[in-house]
Amino acid sequence: MEHTQSVQSKPDANPGNGQGKHEQVERAAEGAHETVDKMADATHKAADAIGEKGAQLQDLQEEWMENAREYINKNPVKSVGIAVAGGFLLSRLLSGR
């Protein structure tokens, strides 16, 4: 009899008690929701950072293109010479000789 009384005095420890299991499931679900929310927040922050970096890279690309256009306009003959020399070197490297 004493054994039965000690088991009955602890309703959460009783494996047949559905309420204790329900509370455990609820706690686990809350923890999972919190984790998902944290991951979603981190993902949004990362996406925002990537978007900012993408915009910065696009601005840098436009700046370099403008600098290249200005150089070509100021030095057309030298620019053609550089292009020919670069093309020749690339063809030699890629031909495998």
Protein backbone atom coordinates (compact mmCIF):
# COMPACT_ATOMS: atom_id res chain seq x y z
CA MET A 1 0.00 0.00 0.00
CA GLU A 2 2.75 2.47 0.80
CA HIS A 3 4.21 2.09 -2.67
CA THR A 4 0.88 2.95 -4.28
CA GLN A 5 0.52 6.06 -2.15
CA SER A 6 3.98 7.39 -3.07
CA VAL A 7 3.23 6.96 -6.78
CA GLN A 8 -0.12 8.69 -6.42
CA SER A 9 1.44 11.63 -4.56
CA LYS A 10 3.53 12.44 -7.65
CA PRO A 11 1.05 12.84 -10.52
CA ASP A 12 3.63 14.24 -12.98
CA ALA A 13 5.92 11.26 -12.50
CA ASN A 14 3.14 8.81 -13.30
CA PRO A 15 3.70 7.54 -16.86
CA GLY A 16 -0.04 7.08 -17.29
CA ASN A 17 -0.76 10.74 -16.56
CA GLY A 18 -1.69 12.42 -19.85
CA GLN A 19 -1.51 15.96 -18.41
CA GLY A 20 2.22 15.70 -17.63
CA LYS A 21 2.94 14.55 -21.17
CA HIS A 22 0.77 17.34 -22.56
CA GLU A 23 2.78 19.92 -20.60
CA GLN A 24 6.04 18.43 -21.86
CA VAL A 25 4.79 18.58 -25.45
CA GLU A 26 3.71 22.20 -24.96
CA ARG A 27 7.11 23.15 -23.53
CA ALA A 28 8.88 21.39 -26.39
CA ALA A 29 6.63 23.16 -28.92
CA GLU A 30 7.33 26.55 -27.30
CA GLY A 31 11.06 25.86 -27.45
CA ALA A 32 10.78 24.88 -31.10
CA HIS A 33 8.79 28.03 -31.91
CA GLU A 34 11.37 30.21 -30.16
CA THR A 35 14.17 28.52 -32.09
CA VAL A 36 12.36 28.97 -35.41
CA ASP A 37 11.72 32.64 -34.59
CA LYS A 38 15.40 33.19 -33.77
CA MET A 39 16.46 31.48 -37.00
CA ALA A 40 13.99 33.55 -39.04
CA ASP A 41 15.29 36.74 -37.44
CA ALA A 42 18.90 35.77 -38.18
CA THR A 43 17.96 34.90 -41.76
CA HIS A 44 16.28 38.28 -42.26
CA LYS A 45 19.33 40.08 -40.87
CA ALA A 46 21.63 38.10 -43.17
CA ALA A 47 19.43 38.83 -46.19
CA ASP A 48 19.46 42.54 -45.36
CA ALA A 49 23.26 42.51 -45.02
CA ILE A 50 23.64 40.68 -48.34
CA GLY A 51 21.31 43.19 -50.00
CA GLU A 52 23.41 46.08 -48.68
CA LYS A 53 26.65 44.46 -49.86
CA GLY A 54 25.11 43.78 -53.26
CA ALA A 55 24.18 47.44 -53.60
CA GLN A 56 27.69 48.48 -52.56
CA LEU A 57 29.24 46.12 -55.13
CA GLN A 58 26.96 47.47 -57.84
CA ASP A 59 27.98 51.05 -56.99
CA LEU A 60 31.65 50.02 -57.08
CA GLN A 61 31.19 48.34 -60.46
CA GLU A 62 29.57 51.47 -61.89
CA GLU A 63 32.41 53.61 -60.52
CA TRP A 64 35.07 51.36 -62.11
CA MET A 65 33.24 51.33 -65.44
CA GLU A 66 33.06 55.13 -65.41
CA ASN A 67 36.80 55.33 -64.60
CA ALA A 68 37.57 52.92 -67.46
CA ARG A 69 35.44 54.99 -69.89
CA GLU A 70 37.23 58.17 -68.87
CA TYR A 71 40.65 56.54 -69.31
CA ILE A 72 39.69 55.18 -72.75
CA ASN A 73 38.39 58.58 -73.83
CA LYS A 74 41.59 60.32 -72.66
CA ASN A 75 43.99 57.66 -74.03
CA PRO A 76 42.37 55.87 -77.00
CA VAL A 77 45.58 54.65 -78.66
CA LYS A 78 47.07 53.38 -75.42
CA SER A 79 43.75 51.65 -74.59
CA VAL A 80 43.73 49.81 -77.93
CA GLY A 81 47.36 48.75 -77.35
CA ILE A 82 46.52 47.42 -73.90
CA ALA A 83 43.51 45.52 -75.28
CA VAL A 84 45.58 43.96 -78.08
CA ALA A 85 48.40 42.97 -75.69
CA GLY A 86 45.88 41.51 -73.21
CA GLY A 87 44.13 39.55 -75.97
CA PHE A 88 47.46 38.21 -77.24
CA LEU A 89 48.50 37.09 -73.74
CA LEU A 90 45.15 35.43 -73.10
CA SER A 91 45.28 33.56 -76.41
CA ARG A 92 48.78 32.29 -75.59
CA LEU A 93 47.73 31.16 -72.11
CA LEU A 94 44.56 29.47 -73.28
CA SER A 95 46.06 27.78 -76.36
CA GLY A 96 48.28 25.59 -74.20
CA ARG A 97 51.60 26.33 -75.93
